Every structure is written in structure tokens, then in C-alpha cells.
Amino acid sequence: MTFRRVAPLSLLSLTLAACAVSTPVADVVSNSEESAAEPAVAALPTPDPAPTPTPAPIRTETLAIKVVSGERTQGGWLRGKVPDGTVSATLGDKPVAVDGEGNFFAAFDRDAPALTVLKATHEVGLTIEHPIRVSPRDWDIERVNVAKRPSGSNEEWWAKREPEWLAIRDARAKETGAQGWKQQFIWPVTGRVSGRFGRQRIYRGEPGSYHSGLDIAPGNGVPFVAPADGVVVLARTGFSLEGGIVILDHGAGLNSAFIHMSRLAVTEGDEVEQGQLLGNVGASGRATGPHLHWSLMWRDSRLDPLLFLPPMP
């Protein structure tokens, strides 16, 4: 007995369909020259969708704030880095600016408490906390047995002073994107230090305002320079207390103010580099002699410029 292999029906159908491509339809399908059949098309299987990769779990022990440098004391500062994926940061109740690589700057007021917390909020919803112990300082306090003088701020005086005060406030609030906060600061001028940050008088138990900056007395007319890169956000003359004044934004909420100037060498909006001339030392405004008063602020915290500087050359 012999067996003849018969093609399966599906294969035979495909064979006929193939013939329809090159052979007249009348020879294969029907005797009518007007009829035509569409060629059969084999359905292709639908591929399974590629599996979605599962993200690697975040190791929470690696989410830490790193403090790289700084002075953890009243009037001091910090530079550091927050973890990748941080969406916001704070020191106490103050916002901390973070650059694209996670670097940050933060600082402590002259009267900062002994303990504050640096926080970073991560994109996964975690909050990373880094407690900071701030060492207190022994300020130069002078107690005098006389009554504190009244402010003397009558309406006429305040009418002149208010726009000056508002100009200073608004200038210090400007954010320019300057990068000077990342630099090691230099001395704007060298000379005798005639006034230190933080000193204060107490009048019969009532505290007066403390000295908010560093006074350097190199001599009248001596030029001084920018201690770090920045953008000039205020440059004016004739202010009641400050006389000639320049405020320089260093970015990240940090800014410098220089007052009692005899001459200004910059204008508002100028971008200046570290070491660039800003003006000349003077005794304009309310000053008892020629000197440069340099104050530093971060947000509304007043800082000690000496803590940013190397020893005077």
C-alpha cells in the first residue's frame, strides 16, 4: 500500500493565494473575466508588550545631607550638598537655595539659637533632617549707666529716610543668579580693623542696636574691591546714614553692603568679578571718620564678614 502526502488546507489556501498574484483570476477562481478575488493575507501574531522595568528601590540610608565647609557659630555659615532628587530645603524656617548639582549655602544669624535643623524634602516624599549645633559667641558688650537716646525719627526725617530704607530692603531681596556664594571670599581692602561685628551697648539695661558689619580703616580715598563675584543691585550716593552705598548680590540669598563711600565705580546691574574695583573708602553719611563698613546678610540673618575671610595679608 502506498500513501500520498496531502498538503494541509491552510497551506493549500496560501498556495492558491500566491497563484492569484501572477495568474489571471479567470483561470483560477471562475470563468468570469469580470470577477476578481482579493489575495488572502496571513495575520501576523501581535507581539507581547515589553515589560516595564521596575525602578531600583531607594536606599534611604544613602539620603544624607553633607556639610562640606563652614563656621557653625553665631554669624557663621555653611556650604554643603543635598541628595539627588531633593526638591526643596530649609534651615530652620528659612528657604535654602539648591543648584543643579545639589550644592547649597546657608547661614546663622548673630543671635541664632544653639540648635537648628537643616531639612531636605526628597521627590519620593521623604524629609531628611540634619541637626546643626551652633556655638554661641562672647560679644563685645558695653554697659553704660545712661539712658538710651530717643530715636529722634520725626516725620520730616522719616520722609527722607523711608525711601532709602525701602531701596536697601528691596535690593537685598533681589535674586540675580550670581555664583559668588561658592567662592572663598577675599578682603575688599586691608587696613586697621576699627569696628567688629556684633558689638553692642546696653543703656541702663536697655539694649541698643548692635554693630552689623566689619569696619576697615585703610585711609580716605583708598580703593576697595569685590570680595566675591556678584551683581550690583544698589549703587547710590547721598543716603542719610550710609552716604555712598553699594550692595552686591552673591546669589543664594547672600549679599554684601559697602557704605560711607567717597566714590562709586559701579552702577546698578553691573556684573562684577572677585577683585574688581567697586569704589573708594570715605566718610560720607553718618560716620566719624573715613572707613569702609562692610556688612553681609543671608536672607534676613546678619553675618560676621571675618568668618568668611582668610587672615589679613
Foldseek 3Di string as FASTA:
>chain_A
DDDDDDDDPVVVLLVLLVCLVPDQPCVRPHVDNPDHDDRDDDDDDDDDDDDDDDDDDDDVVPQAWAWDDKAQAAQIKTKTFGDPQFDWKDKAPHTWDADPRRITMDTHFNPRDQKIWIWTAGPVGDIHIDIGGYHYDDAAEAEDAAADDDPPCDPVNCVQQVVVVVLVVVLLPDADPAAFVVDQFEFQDAADWPDFFFYWYQHNNRTDDTQQFTKGPHDFFAWTWGRAWFFWSDFDADHQAFGTKTKTDRHRQKIKMKGQFPFAPDHHGDTDGHPHTGGTWHRGHPGPTTIITMWMDGNNGTHTVVRSYDPHD
